[in-house]
């Protein structure tokens, strides 16, 4: 759960957080 929260690739949090960050860029 912690790794998913951090946005580690291929866990649940990565798919949403990374997309937000990339689109924000």
PDBML (XML) file of the C-alpha atoms, coordinates in Angstrom:
<?xml version="1.0" encoding="UTF-8" ?>
<PDBx:datablock datablockName="MODEL"
   xmlns:PDBx="http://pdbml.pdb.org/schema/pdbx-v50.xsd"
   xmlns:xsi="http://www.w3.org/2001/XMLSchema-instance"
   xsi:schemaLocation="http://pdbml.pdb.org/schema/pdbx-v50.xsd pdbx-v50.xsd">
   <PDBx:atom_siteCategory>
      <PDBx:atom_site id="1">
         <PDBx:B_iso_or_equiv>0.00</PDBx:B_iso_or_equiv>
         <PDBx:Cartn_x>0.000</PDBx:Cartn_x>
         <PDBx:Cartn_y>0.000</PDBx:Cartn_y>
         <PDBx:Cartn_z>0.000</PDBx:Cartn_z>
         <PDBx:auth_asym_id>A</PDBx:auth_asym_id>
         <PDBx:auth_atom_id>CA</PDBx:auth_atom_id>
         <PDBx:auth_comp_id>UNK</PDBx:auth_comp_id>
         <PDBx:auth_seq_id>1</PDBx:auth_seq_id>
         <PDBx:group_PDB>ATOM</PDBx:group_PDB>
         <PDBx:label_alt_id xsi:nil="true" />
         <PDBx:label_asym_id>A</PDBx:label_asym_id>
         <PDBx:label_atom_id>CA</PDBx:label_atom_id>
         <PDBx:label_comp_id>UNK</PDBx:label_comp_id>
         <PDBx:label_entity_id>1</PDBx:label_entity_id>
         <PDBx:label_seq_id>1</PDBx:label_seq_id>
         <PDBx:occupancy>1.00</PDBx:occupancy>
         <PDBx:pdbx_PDB_model_num>1</PDBx:pdbx_PDB_model_num>
         <PDBx:type_symbol>C</PDBx:type_symbol>
      </PDBx:atom_site>
      <PDBx:atom_site id="2">
         <PDBx:B_iso_or_equiv>0.00</PDBx:B_iso_or_equiv>
         <PDBx:Cartn_x>2.869</PDBx:Cartn_x>
         <PDBx:Cartn_y>2.378</PDBx:Cartn_y>
         <PDBx:Cartn_z>0.815</PDBx:Cartn_z>
         <PDBx:auth_asym_id>A</PDBx:auth_asym_id>
         <PDBx:auth_atom_id>CA</PDBx:auth_atom_id>
         <PDBx:auth_comp_id>UNK</PDBx:auth_comp_id>
         <PDBx:auth_seq_id>2</PDBx:auth_seq_id>
         <PDBx:group_PDB>ATOM</PDBx:group_PDB>
         <PDBx:label_alt_id xsi:nil="true" />
         <PDBx:label_asym_id>A</PDBx:label_asym_id>
         <PDBx:label_atom_id>CA</PDBx:label_atom_id>
         <PDBx:label_comp_id>UNK</PDBx:label_comp_id>
         <PDBx:label_entity_id>1</PDBx:label_entity_id>
         <PDBx:label_seq_id>2</PDBx:label_seq_id>
         <PDBx:occupancy>1.00</PDBx:occupancy>
         <PDBx:pdbx_PDB_model_num>1</PDBx:pdbx_PDB_model_num>
         <PDBx:type_symbol>C</PDBx:type_symbol>
      </PDBx:atom_site>
      <PDBx:atom_site id="3">
         <PDBx:B_iso_or_equiv>0.00</PDBx:B_iso_or_equiv>
         <PDBx:Cartn_x>4.583</PDBx:Cartn_x>
         <PDBx:Cartn_y>1.716</PDBx:Cartn_y>
         <PDBx:Cartn_z>-2.511</PDBx:Cartn_z>
         <PDBx:auth_asym_id>A</PDBx:auth_asym_id>
         <PDBx:auth_atom_id>CA</PDBx:auth_atom_id>
         <PDBx:auth_comp_id>UNK</PDBx:auth_comp_id>
         <PDBx:auth_seq_id>3</PDBx:auth_seq_id>
         <PDBx:group_PDB>ATOM</PDBx:group_PDB>
         <PDBx:label_alt_id xsi:nil="true" />
         <PDBx:label_asym_id>A</PDBx:label_asym_id>
         <PDBx:label_atom_id>CA</PDBx:label_atom_id>
         <PDBx:label_comp_id>UNK</PDBx:label_comp_id>
         <PDBx:label_entity_id>1</PDBx:label_entity_id>
         <PDBx:label_seq_id>3</PDBx:label_seq_id>
         <PDBx:occupancy>1.00</PDBx:occupancy>
         <PDBx:pdbx_PDB_model_num>1</PDBx:pdbx_PDB_model_num>
         <PDBx:type_symbol>C</PDBx:type_symbol>
      </PDBx:atom_site>
      <PDBx:atom_site id="4">
         <PDBx:B_iso_or_equiv>0.00</PDBx:B_iso_or_equiv>
         <PDBx:Cartn_x>1.291</PDBx:Cartn_x>
         <PDBx:Cartn_y>2.246</PDBx:Cartn_y>
         <PDBx:Cartn_z>-4.310</PDBx:Cartn_z>
         <PDBx:auth_asym_id>A</PDBx:auth_asym_id>
         <PDBx:auth_atom_id>CA</PDBx:auth_atom_id>
         <PDBx:auth_comp_id>UNK</PDBx:auth_comp_id>
         <PDBx:auth_seq_id>4</PDBx:auth_seq_id>
         <PDBx:group_PDB>ATOM</PDBx:group_PDB>
         <PDBx:label_alt_id xsi:nil="true" />
         <PDBx:label_asym_id>A</PDBx:label_asym_id>
         <PDBx:label_atom_id>CA</PDBx:label_atom_id>
         <PDBx:label_comp_id>UNK</PDBx:label_comp_id>
         <PDBx:label_entity_id>1</PDBx:label_entity_id>
         <PDBx:label_seq_id>4</PDBx:label_seq_id>
         <PDBx:occupancy>1.00</PDBx:occupancy>
         <PDBx:pdbx_PDB_model_num>1</PDBx:pdbx_PDB_model_num>
         <PDBx:type_symbol>C</PDBx:type_symbol>
      </PDBx:atom_site>
      <PDBx:atom_site id="5">
         <PDBx:B_iso_or_equiv>0.00</PDBx:B_iso_or_equiv>
         <PDBx:Cartn_x>0.865</PDBx:Cartn_x>
         <PDBx:Cartn_y>5.543</PDBx:Cartn_y>
         <PDBx:Cartn_z>-2.453</PDBx:Cartn_z>
         <PDBx:auth_asym_id>A</PDBx:auth_asym_id>
         <PDBx:auth_atom_id>CA</PDBx:auth_atom_id>
         <PDBx:auth_comp_id>UNK</PDBx:auth_comp_id>
         <PDBx:auth_seq_id>5</PDBx:auth_seq_id>
         <PDBx:group_PDB>ATOM</PDBx:group_PDB>
         <PDBx:label_alt_id xsi:nil="true" />
         <PDBx:label_asym_id>A</PDBx:label_asym_id>
         <PDBx:label_atom_id>CA</PDBx:label_atom_id>
         <PDBx:label_comp_id>UNK</PDBx:label_comp_id>
         <PDBx:label_entity_id>1</PDBx:label_entity_id>
         <PDBx:label_seq_id>5</PDBx:label_seq_id>
         <PDBx:occupancy>1.00</PDBx:occupancy>
         <PDBx:pdbx_PDB_model_num>1</PDBx:pdbx_PDB_model_num>
         <PDBx:type_symbol>C</PDBx:type_symbol>
      </PDBx:atom_site>
      <PDBx:atom_site id="6">
         <PDBx:B_iso_or_equiv>0.00</PDBx:B_iso_or_equiv>
         <PDBx:Cartn_x>4.357</PDBx:Cartn_x>
         <PDBx:Cartn_y>6.629</PDBx:Cartn_y>
         <PDBx:Cartn_z>-3.514</PDBx:Cartn_z>
         <PDBx:auth_asym_id>A</PDBx:auth_asym_id>
         <PDBx:auth_atom_id>CA</PDBx:auth_atom_id>
         <PDBx:auth_comp_id>UNK</PDBx:auth_comp_id>
         <PDBx:auth_seq_id>6</PDBx:auth_seq_id>
         <PDBx:group_PDB>ATOM</PDBx:group_PDB>
         <PDBx:label_alt_id xsi:nil="true" />
         <PDBx:label_asym_id>A</PDBx:label_asym_id>
         <PDBx:label_atom_id>CA</PDBx:label_atom_id>
         <PDBx:label_comp_id>UNK</PDBx:label_comp_id>
         <PDBx:label_entity_id>1</PDBx:label_entity_id>
         <PDBx:label_seq_id>6</PDBx:label_seq_id>
         <PDBx:occupancy>1.00</PDBx:occupancy>
         <PDBx:pdbx_PDB_model_num>1</PDBx:pdbx_PDB_model_num>
         <PDBx:type_symbol>C</PDBx:type_symbol>
      </PDBx:atom_site>
      <PDBx:atom_site id="7">
         <PDBx:B_iso_or_equiv>0.00</PDBx:B_iso_or_equiv>
         <PDBx:Cartn_x>3.482</PDBx:Cartn_x>
         <PDBx:Cartn_y>5.976</PDBx:Cartn_y>
         <PDBx:Cartn_z>-7.157</PDBx:Cartn_z>
         <PDBx:auth_asym_id>A</PDBx:auth_asym_id>
         <PDBx:auth_atom_id>CA</PDBx:auth_atom_id>
         <PDBx:auth_comp_id>UNK</PDBx:auth_comp_id>
         <PDBx:auth_seq_id>7</PDBx:auth_seq_id>
         <PDBx:group_PDB>ATOM</PDBx:group_PDB>
         <PDBx:label_alt_id xsi:nil="true" />
         <PDBx:label_asym_id>A</PDBx:label_asym_id>
         <PDBx:label_atom_id>CA</PDBx:label_atom_id>
         <PDBx:label_comp_id>UNK</PDBx:label_comp_id>
         <PDBx:label_entity_id>1</PDBx:label_entity_id>
         <PDBx:label_seq_id>7</PDBx:label_seq_id>
         <PDBx:occupancy>1.00</PDBx:occupancy>
         <PDBx:pdbx_PDB_model_num>1</PDBx:pdbx_PDB_model_num>
         <PDBx:type_symbol>C</PDBx:type_symbol>
      </PDBx:atom_site>
      <PDBx:atom_site id="8">
         <PDBx:B_iso_or_equiv>0.00</PDBx:B_iso_or_equiv>
         <PDBx:Cartn_x>5.882</PDBx:Cartn_x>
         <PDBx:Cartn_y>3.094</PDBx:Cartn_y>
         <PDBx:Cartn_z>-7.747</PDBx:Cartn_z>
         <PDBx:auth_asym_id>A</PDBx:auth_asym_id>
         <PDBx:auth_atom_id>CA</PDBx:auth_atom_id>
         <PDBx:auth_comp_id>UNK</PDBx:auth_comp_id>
         <PDBx:auth_seq_id>8</PDBx:auth_seq_id>
         <PDBx:group_PDB>ATOM</PDBx:group_PDB>
         <PDBx:label_alt_id xsi:nil="true" />
         <PDBx:label_asym_id>A</PDBx:label_asym_id>
         <PDBx:label_atom_id>CA</PDBx:label_atom_id>
         <PDBx:label_comp_id>UNK</PDBx:label_comp_id>
         <PDBx:label_entity_id>1</PDBx:label_entity_id>
         <PDBx:label_seq_id>8</PDBx:label_seq_id>
         <PDBx:occupancy>1.00</PDBx:occupancy>
         <PDBx:pdbx_PDB_model_num>1</PDBx:pdbx_PDB_model_num>
         <PDBx:type_symbol>C</PDBx:type_symbol>
      </PDBx:atom_site>
      <PDBx:atom_site id="9">
         <PDBx:B_iso_or_equiv>0.00</PDBx:B_iso_or_equiv>
         <PDBx:Cartn_x>5.412</PDBx:Cartn_x>
         <PDBx:Cartn_y>1.855</PDBx:Cartn_y>
         <PDBx:Cartn_z>-11.346</PDBx:Cartn_z>
         <PDBx:auth_asym_id>A</PDBx:auth_asym_id>
         <PDBx:auth_atom_id>CA</PDBx:auth_atom_id>
         <PDBx:auth_comp_id>UNK</PDBx:auth_comp_id>
         <PDBx:auth_seq_id>9</PDBx:auth_seq_id>
         <PDBx:group_PDB>ATOM</PDBx:group_PDB>
         <PDBx:label_alt_id xsi:nil="true" />
         <PDBx:label_asym_id>A</PDBx:label_asym_id>
         <PDBx:label_atom_id>CA</PDBx:label_atom_id>
         <PDBx:label_comp_id>UNK</PDBx:label_comp_id>
         <PDBx:label_entity_id>1</PDBx:label_entity_id>
         <PDBx:label_seq_id>9</PDBx:label_seq_id>
         <PDBx:occupancy>1.00</PDBx:occupancy>
         <PDBx:pdbx_PDB_model_num>1</PDBx:pdbx_PDB_model_num>
         <PDBx:type_symbol>C</PDBx:type_symbol>
      </PDBx:atom_site>
      <PDBx:atom_site id="10">
         <PDBx:B_iso_or_equiv>0.00</PDBx:B_iso_or_equiv>
         <PDBx:Cartn_x>2.691</PDBx:Cartn_x>
         <PDBx:Cartn_y>-0.697</PDBx:Cartn_y>
         <PDBx:Cartn_z>-12.121</PDBx:Cartn_z>
         <PDBx:auth_asym_id>A</PDBx:auth_asym_id>
         <PDBx:auth_atom_id>CA</PDBx:auth_atom_id>
         <PDBx:auth_comp_id>UNK</PDBx:auth_comp_id>
         <PDBx:auth_seq_id>10</PDBx:auth_seq_id>
         <PDBx:group_PDB>ATOM</PDBx:group_PDB>
         <PDBx:label_alt_id xsi:nil="true" />
         <PDBx:label_asym_id>A</PDBx:label_asym_id>
         <PDBx:label_atom_id>CA</PDBx:label_atom_id>
         <PDBx:label_comp_id>UNK</PDBx:label_comp_id>
         <PDBx:label_entity_id>1</PDBx:label_entity_id>
         <PDBx:label_seq_id>10</PDBx:label_seq_id>
         <PDBx:occupancy>1.00</PDBx:occupancy>
         <PDBx:pdbx_PDB_model_num>1</PDBx:pdbx_PDB_model_num>
         <PDBx:type_symbol>C</PDBx:type_symbol>
      </PDBx:atom_site>
      <PDBx:atom_site id="11">
         <PDBx:B_iso_or_equiv>0.00</PDBx:B_iso_or_equiv>
         <PDBx:Cartn_x>0.902</PDBx:Cartn_x>
         <PDBx:Cartn_y>-0.438</PDBx:Cartn_y>
         <PDBx:Cartn_z>-8.784</PDBx:Cartn_z>
         <PDBx:auth_asym_id>A</PDBx:auth_asym_id>
         <PDBx:auth_atom_id>CA</PDBx:auth_atom_id>
         <PDBx:auth_comp_id>UNK</PDBx:auth_comp_id>
         <PDBx:auth_seq_id>11</PDBx:auth_seq_id>
         <PDBx:group_PDB>ATOM</PDBx:group_PDB>
         <PDBx:label_alt_id xsi:nil="true" />
         <PDBx:label_asym_id>A</PDBx:label_asym_id>
         <PDBx:label_atom_id>CA</PDBx:label_atom_id>
         <PDBx:label_comp_id>UNK</PDBx:label_comp_id>
         <PDBx:label_entity_id>1</PDBx:label_entity_id>
         <PDBx:label_seq_id>11</PDBx:label_seq_id>
         <PDBx:occupancy>1.00</PDBx:occupancy>
         <PDBx:pdbx_PDB_model_num>1</PDBx:pdbx_PDB_model_num>
         <PDBx:type_symbol>C</PDBx:type_symbol>
      </PDBx:atom_site>
      <PDBx:atom_site id="12">
         <PDBx:B_iso_or_equiv>0.00</PDBx:B_iso_or_equiv>
         <PDBx:Cartn_x>-2.535</PDBx:Cartn_x>
         <PDBx:Cartn_y>1.216</PDBx:Cartn_y>
         <PDBx:Cartn_z>-8.487</PDBx:Cartn_z>
         <PDBx:auth_asym_id>A</PDBx:auth_asym_id>
         <PDBx:auth_atom_id>CA</PDBx:auth_atom_id>
         <PDBx:auth_comp_id>UNK</PDBx:auth_comp_id>
         <PDBx:auth_seq_id>12</PDBx:auth_seq_id>
         <PDBx:group_PDB>ATOM</PDBx:group_PDB>
         <PDBx:label_alt_id xsi:nil="true" />
         <PDBx:label_asym_id>A</PDBx:label_asym_id>
         <PDBx:label_atom_id>CA</PDBx:label_atom_id>
         <PDBx:label_comp_id>UNK</PDBx:label_comp_id>
         <PDBx:label_entity_id>1</PDBx:label_entity_id>
         <PDBx:label_seq_id>12</PDBx:label_seq_id>
         <PDBx:occupancy>1.00</PDBx:occupancy>
         <PDBx:pdbx_PDB_model_num>1</PDBx:pdbx_PDB_model_num>
         <PDBx:type_symbol>C</PDBx:type_symbol>
      </PDBx:atom_site>
      <PDBx:atom_site id="13">
         <PDBx:B_iso_or_equiv>0.00</PDBx:B_iso_or_equiv>
         <PDBx:Cartn_x>-1.340</PDBx:Cartn_x>
         <PDBx:Cartn_y>4.652</PDBx:Cartn_y>
         <PDBx:Cartn_z>-7.380</PDBx:Cartn_z>
         <PDBx:auth_asym_id>A</PDBx:auth_asym_id>
         <PDBx:auth_atom_id>CA</PDBx:auth_atom_id>
         <PDBx:auth_comp_id>UNK</PDBx:auth_comp_id>
         <PDBx:auth_seq_id>13</PDBx:auth_seq_id>
         <PDBx:group_PDB>ATOM</PDBx:group_PDB>
         <PDBx:label_alt_id xsi:nil="true" />
         <PDBx:label_asym_id>A</PDBx:label_asym_id>
         <PDBx:label_atom_id>CA</PDBx:label_atom_id>
         <PDBx:label_comp_id>UNK</PDBx:label_comp_id>
         <PDBx:label_entity_id>1</PDBx:label_entity_id>
         <PDBx:label_seq_id>13</PDBx:label_seq_id>
         <PDBx:occupancy>1.00</PDBx:occupancy>
         <PDBx:pdbx_PDB_model_num>1</PDBx:pdbx_PDB_model_num>
         <PDBx:type_symbol>C</PDBx:type_symbol>
      </PDBx:atom_site>
      <PDBx:atom_site id="14">
         <PDBx:B_iso_or_equiv>0.00</PDBx:B_iso_or_equiv>
         <PDBx:Cartn_x>1.124</PDBx:Cartn_x>
         <PDBx:Cartn_y>4.918</PDBx:Cartn_y>
         <PDBx:Cartn_z>-10.259</PDBx:Cartn_z>
         <PDBx:auth_asym_id>A</PDBx:auth_asym_id>
         <PDBx:auth_atom_id>CA</PDBx:auth_atom_id>
         <PDBx:auth_comp_id>UNK</PDBx:auth_comp_id>
         <PDBx:auth_seq_id>14</PDBx:auth_seq_id>
         <PDBx:group_PDB>ATOM</PDBx:group_PDB>
         <PDBx:label_alt_id xsi:nil="true" />
         <PDBx:label_asym_id>A</PDBx:label_asym_id>
         <PDBx:label_atom_id>CA</PDBx:label_atom_id>
         <PDBx:label_comp_id>UNK</PDBx:label_comp_id>
         <PDBx:label_entity_id>1</PDBx:label_entity_id>
         <PDBx:label_seq_id>14</PDBx:label_seq_id>
         <PDBx:occupancy>1.00</PDBx:occupancy>
         <PDBx:pdbx_PDB_model_num>1</PDBx:pdbx_PDB_model_num>
         <PDBx:type_symbol>C</PDBx:type_symbol>
      </PDBx:atom_site>
      <PDBx:atom_site id="15">
         <PDBx:B_iso_or_equiv>0.00</PDBx:B_iso_or_equiv>
         <PDBx:Cartn_x>-1.556</PDBx:Cartn_x>
         <PDBx:Cartn_y>4.902</PDBx:Cartn_y>
         <PDBx:Cartn_z>-12.964</PDBx:Cartn_z>
         <PDBx:auth_asym_id>A</PDBx:auth_asym_id>
         <PDBx:auth_atom_id>CA</PDBx:auth_atom_id>
         <PDBx:auth_comp_id>UNK</PDBx:auth_comp_id>
         <PDBx:auth_seq_id>15</PDBx:auth_seq_id>
         <PDBx:group_PDB>ATOM</PDBx:group_PDB>
         <PDBx:label_alt_id xsi:nil="true" />
         <PDBx:label_asym_id>A</PDBx:label_asym_id>
         <PDBx:label_atom_id>CA</PDBx:label_atom_id>
         <PDBx:label_comp_id>UNK</PDBx:label_comp_id>
         <PDBx:label_entity_id>1</PDBx:label_entity_id>
         <PDBx:label_seq_id>15</PDBx:label_seq_id>
         <PDBx:occupancy>1.00</PDBx:occupancy>
         <PDBx:pdbx_PDB_model_num>1</PDBx:pdbx_PDB_model_num>
         <PDBx:type_symbol>C</PDBx:type_symbol>
      </PDBx:atom_site>
      <PDBx:atom_site id="16">
         <PDBx:B_iso_or_equiv>0.00</PDBx:B_iso_or_equiv>
         <PDBx:Cartn_x>-3.454</PDBx:Cartn_x>
         <PDBx:Cartn_y>7.867</PDBx:Cartn_y>
         <PDBx:Cartn_z>-11.510</PDBx:Cartn_z>
         <PDBx:auth_asym_id>A</PDBx:auth_asym_id>
         <PDBx:auth_atom_id>CA</PDBx:auth_atom_id>
         <PDBx:auth_comp_id>UNK</PDBx:auth_comp_id>
         <PDBx:auth_seq_id>16</PDBx:auth_seq_id>
         <PDBx:group_PDB>ATOM</PDBx:group_PDB>
         <PDBx:label_alt_id xsi:nil="true" />
         <PDBx:label_asym_id>A</PDBx:label_asym_id>
         <PDBx:label_atom_id>CA</PDBx:label_atom_id>
         <PDBx:label_comp_id>UNK</PDBx:label_comp_id>
         <PDBx:label_entity_id>1</PDBx:label_entity_id>
         <PDBx:label_seq_id>16</PDBx:label_seq_id>
         <PDBx:occupancy>1.00</PDBx:occupancy>
         <PDBx:pdbx_PDB_model_num>1</PDBx:pdbx_PDB_model_num>
         <PDBx:type_symbol>C</PDBx:type_symbol>
      </PDBx:atom_site>
      <PDBx:atom_site id="17">
         <PDBx:B_iso_or_equiv>0.00</PDBx:B_iso_or_equiv>
         <PDBx:Cartn_x>-0.686</PDBx:Cartn_x>
         <PDBx:Cartn_y>9.944</PDBx:Cartn_y>
         <PDBx:Cartn_z>-9.891</PDBx:Cartn_z>
         <PDBx:auth_asym_id>A</PDBx:auth_asym_id>
         <PDBx:auth_atom_id>CA</PDBx:auth_atom_id>
         <PDBx:auth_comp_id>UNK</PDBx:auth_comp_id>
         <PDBx:auth_seq_id>17</PDBx:auth_seq_id>
         <PDBx:group_PDB>ATOM</PDBx:group_PDB>
         <PDBx:label_alt_id xsi:nil="true" />
         <PDBx:label_asym_id>A</PDBx:label_asym_id>
         <PDBx:label_atom_id>CA</PDBx:label_atom_id>
         <PDBx:label_comp_id>UNK</PDBx:label_comp_id>
         <PDBx:label_entity_id>1</PDBx:label_entity_id>
         <PDBx:label_seq_id>17</PDBx:label_seq_id>
         <PDBx:occupancy>1.00</PDBx:occupancy>
         <PDBx:pdbx_PDB_model_num>1</PDBx:pdbx_PDB_model_num>
         <PDBx:type_symbol>C</PDBx:type_symbol>
      </PDBx:atom_site>
      <PDBx:atom_site id="18">
         <PDBx:B_iso_or_equiv>0.00</PDBx:B_iso_or_equiv>
         <PDBx:Cartn_x>1.754</PDBx:Cartn_x>
         <PDBx:Cartn_y>9.679</PDBx:Cartn_y>
         <PDBx:Cartn_z>-12.764</PDBx:Cartn_z>
         <PDBx:auth_asym_id>A</PDBx:auth_asym_id>
         <PDBx:auth_atom_id>CA</PDBx:auth_atom_id>
         <PDBx:auth_comp_id>UNK</PDBx:auth_comp_id>
         <PDBx:auth_seq_id>18</PDBx:auth_seq_id>
         <PDBx:group_PDB>ATOM</PDBx:group_PDB>
         <PDBx:label_alt_id xsi:nil="true" />
         <PDBx:label_asym_id>A</PDBx:label_asym_id>
         <PDBx:label_atom_id>CA</PDBx:label_atom_id>
         <PDBx:label_comp_id>UNK</PDBx:label_comp_id>
         <PDBx:label_entity_id>1</PDBx:label_entity_id>
         <PDBx:label_seq_id>18</PDBx:label_seq_id>
         <PDBx:occupancy>1.00</PDBx:occupancy>
         <PDBx:pdbx_PDB_model_num>1</PDBx:pdbx_PDB_model_num>
         <PDBx:type_symbol>C</PDBx:type_symbol>
      </PDBx:atom_site>
      <PDBx:atom_site id="19">
         <PDBx:B_iso_or_equiv>0.00</PDBx:B_iso_or_equiv>
         <PDBx:Cartn_x>-0.913</PDBx:Cartn_x>
         <PDBx:Cartn_y>10.683</PDBx:Cartn_y>
         <PDBx:Cartn_z>-15.270</PDBx:Cartn_z>
         <PDBx:auth_asym_id>A</PDBx:auth_asym_id>
         <PDBx:auth_atom_id>CA</PDBx:auth_atom_id>
         <PDBx:auth_comp_id>UNK</PDBx:auth_comp_id>
         <PDBx:auth_seq_id>19</PDBx:auth_seq_id>
         <PDBx:group_PDB>ATOM</PDBx:group_PDB>
         <PDBx:label_alt_id xsi:nil="true" />
         <PDBx:label_asym_id>A</PDBx:label_asym_id>
         <PDBx:label_atom_id>CA</PDBx:label_atom_id>
         <PDBx:label_comp_id>UNK</PDBx:label_comp_id>
         <PDBx:label_entity_id>1</PDBx:label_entity_id>
         <PDBx:label_seq_id>19</PDBx:label_seq_id>
         <PDBx:occupancy>1.00</PDBx:occupancy>
         <PDBx:pdbx_PDB_model_num>1</PDBx:pdbx_PDB_model_num>
         <PDBx:type_symbol>C</PDBx:type_symbol>
      </PDBx:atom_site>
      <PDBx:atom_site id="20">
         <PDBx:B_iso_or_equiv>0.00</PDBx:B_iso_or_equiv>
         <PDBx:Cartn_x>-1.818</PDBx:Cartn_x>
         <PDBx:Cartn_y>13.750</PDBx:Cartn_y>
         <PDBx:Cartn_z>-13.186</PDBx:Cartn_z>
         <PDBx:auth_asym_id>A</PDBx:auth_asym_id>
         <PDBx:auth_atom_id>CA</PDBx:auth_atom_id>
         <PDBx:auth_comp_id>UNK</PDBx:auth_comp_id>
         <PDBx:auth_seq_id>20</PDBx:auth_seq_id>
         <PDBx:group_PDB>ATOM</PDBx:group_PDB>
         <PDBx:label_alt_id xsi:nil="true" />
         <PDBx:label_asym_id>A</PDBx:label_asym_id>
         <PDBx:label_atom_id>CA</PDBx:label_atom_id>
         <PDBx:label_comp_id>UNK</PDBx:label_comp_id>
         <PDBx:label_entity_id>1</PDBx:label_entity_id>
         <PDBx:label_seq_id>20</PDBx:label_seq_id>
         <PDBx:occupancy>1.00</PDBx:occupancy>
         <PDBx:pdbx_PDB_model_num>1</PDBx:pdbx_PDB_model_num>
         <PDBx:type_symbol>C</PDBx:type_symbol>
      </PDBx:atom_site>
      <PDBx:atom_site id="21">
         <PDBx:B_iso_or_equiv>0.00</PDBx:B_iso_or_equiv>
         <PDBx:Cartn_x>1.858</PDBx:Cartn_x>
         <PDBx:Cartn_y>14.727</PDBx:Cartn_y>
         <PDBx:Cartn_z>-12.914</PDBx:Cartn_z>
         <PDBx:auth_asym_id>A</PDBx:auth_asym_id>
         <PDBx:auth_atom_id>CA</PDBx:auth_atom_id>
         <PDBx:auth_comp_id>UNK</PDBx:auth_comp_id>
         <PDBx:auth_seq_id>21</PDBx:auth_seq_id>
         <PDBx:group_PDB>ATOM</PDBx:group_PDB>
         <PDBx:label_alt_id xsi:nil="true" />
         <PDBx:label_asym_id>A</PDBx:label_asym_id>
         <PDBx:label_atom_id>CA</PDBx:label_atom_id>
         <PDBx:label_comp_id>UNK</PDBx:label_comp_id>
         <PDBx:label_entity_id>1</PDBx:label_entity_id>
         <PDBx:label_seq_id>21</PDBx:label_seq_id>
         <PDBx:occupancy>1.00</PDBx:occupancy>
         <PDBx:pdbx_PDB_model_num>1</PDBx:pdbx_PDB_model_num>
         <PDBx:type_symbol>C</PDBx:type_symbol>
      </PDBx:atom_site>
      <PDBx:atom_site id="22">
         <PDBx:B_iso_or_equiv>0.00</PDBx:B_iso_or_equiv>
         <PDBx:Cartn_x>2.562</PDBx:Cartn_x>
         <PDBx:Cartn_y>14.243</PDBx:Cartn_y>
         <PDBx:Cartn_z>-16.636</PDBx:Cartn_z>
         <PDBx:auth_asym_id>A</PDBx:auth_asym_id>
         <PDBx:auth_atom_id>CA</PDBx:auth_atom_id>
         <PDBx:auth_comp_id>UNK</PDBx:auth_comp_id>
         <PDBx:auth_seq_id>22</PDBx:auth_seq_id>
         <PDBx:group_PDB>ATOM</PDBx:group_PDB>
         <PDBx:label_alt_id xsi:nil="true" />
         <PDBx:label_asym_id>A</PDBx:label_asym_id>
         <PDBx:label_atom_id>CA</PDBx:label_atom_id>
         <PDBx:label_comp_id>UNK</PDBx:label_comp_id>
         <PDBx:label_entity_id>1</PDBx:label_entity_id>
         <PDBx:label_seq_id>22</PDBx:label_seq_id>
         <PDBx:occupancy>1.00</PDBx:occupancy>
         <PDBx:pdbx_PDB_model_num>1</PDBx:pdbx_PDB_model_num>
         <PDBx:type_symbol>C</PDBx:type_symbol>
      </PDBx:atom_site>
      <PDBx:atom_site id="23">
         <PDBx:B_iso_or_equiv>0.00</PDBx:B_iso_or_equiv>
         <PDBx:Cartn_x>-0.503</PDBx:Cartn_x>
         <PDBx:Cartn_y>16.182</PDBx:Cartn_y>
         <PDBx:Cartn_z>-17.749</PDBx:Cartn_z>
         <PDBx:auth_asym_id>A</PDBx:auth_asym_id>
         <PDBx:auth_atom_id>CA</PDBx:auth_atom_id>
         <PDBx:auth_comp_id>UNK</PDBx:auth_comp_id>
         <PDBx:auth_seq_id>23</PDBx:auth_seq_id>
         <PDBx:group_PDB>ATOM</PDBx:group_PDB>
         <PDBx:label_alt_id xsi:nil="true" />
         <PDBx:label_asym_id>A</PDBx:label_asym_id>
         <PDBx:label_atom_id>CA</PDBx:label_atom_id>
         <PDBx:label_comp_id>UNK</PDBx:label_comp_id>
         <PDBx:label_entity_id>1</PDBx:label_entity_id>
         <PDBx:label_seq_id>23</PDBx:label_seq_id>
         <PDBx:occupancy>1.00</PDBx:occupancy>
         <PDBx:pdbx_PDB_model_num>1</PDBx:pdbx_PDB_model_num>
         <PDBx:type_symbol>C</PDBx:type_symbol>
      </PDBx:atom_site>
      <PDBx:atom_site id="24">
         <PDBx:B_iso_or_equiv>0.00</PDBx:B_iso_or_equiv>
         <PDBx:Cartn_x>0.311</PDBx:Cartn_x>
         <PDBx:Cartn_y>18.925</PDBx:Cartn_y>
         <PDBx:Cartn_z>-15.217</PDBx:Cartn_z>
         <PDBx:auth_asym_id>A</PDBx:auth_asym_id>
         <PDBx:auth_atom_id>CA</PDBx:auth_atom_id>
         <PDBx:auth_comp_id>UNK</PDBx:auth_comp_id>
         <PDBx:auth_seq_id>24</PDBx:auth_seq_id>
         <PDBx:group_PDB>ATOM</PDBx:group_PDB>
         <PDBx:label_alt_id xsi:nil="true" />
         <PDBx:label_asym_id>A</PDBx:label_asym_id>
         <PDBx:label_atom_id>CA</PDBx:label_atom_id>
         <PDBx:label_comp_id>UNK</PDBx:label_comp_id>
         <PDBx:label_entity_id>1</PDBx:label_entity_id>
         <PDBx:label_seq_id>24</PDBx:label_seq_id>
         <PDBx:occupancy>1.00</PDBx:occupancy>
         <PDBx:pdbx_PDB_model_num>1</PDBx:pdbx_PDB_model_num>
         <PDBx:type_symbol>C</PDBx:type_symbol>
      </PDBx:atom_site>
      <PDBx:atom_site id="25">
         <PDBx:B_iso_or_equiv>0.00</PDBx:B_iso_or_equiv>
         <PDBx:Cartn_x>3.769</PDBx:Cartn_x>
         <PDBx:Cartn_y>19.182</PDBx:Cartn_y>
         <PDBx:Cartn_z>-16.811</PDBx:Cartn_z>
         <PDBx:auth_asym_id>A</PDBx:auth_asym_id>
         <PDBx:auth_atom_id>CA</PDBx:auth_atom_id>
         <PDBx:auth_comp_id>UNK</PDBx:auth_comp_id>
         <PDBx:auth_seq_id>25</PDBx:auth_seq_id>
         <PDBx:group_PDB>ATOM</PDBx:group_PDB>
         <PDBx:label_alt_id xsi:nil="true" />
         <PDBx:label_asym_id>A</PDBx:label_asym_id>
         <PDBx:label_atom_id>CA</PDBx:label_atom_id>
         <PDBx:label_comp_id>UNK</PDBx:label_comp_id>
         <PDBx:label_entity_id>1</PDBx:label_entity_id>
         <PDBx:label_seq_id>25</PDBx:label_seq_id>
         <PDBx:occupancy>1.00</PDBx:occupancy>
         <PDBx:pdbx_PDB_model_num>1</PDBx:pdbx_PDB_model_num>
         <PDBx:type_symbol>C</PDBx:type_symbol>
      </PDBx:atom_site>
   </PDBx:atom_siteCategory>
</PDBx:datablock>
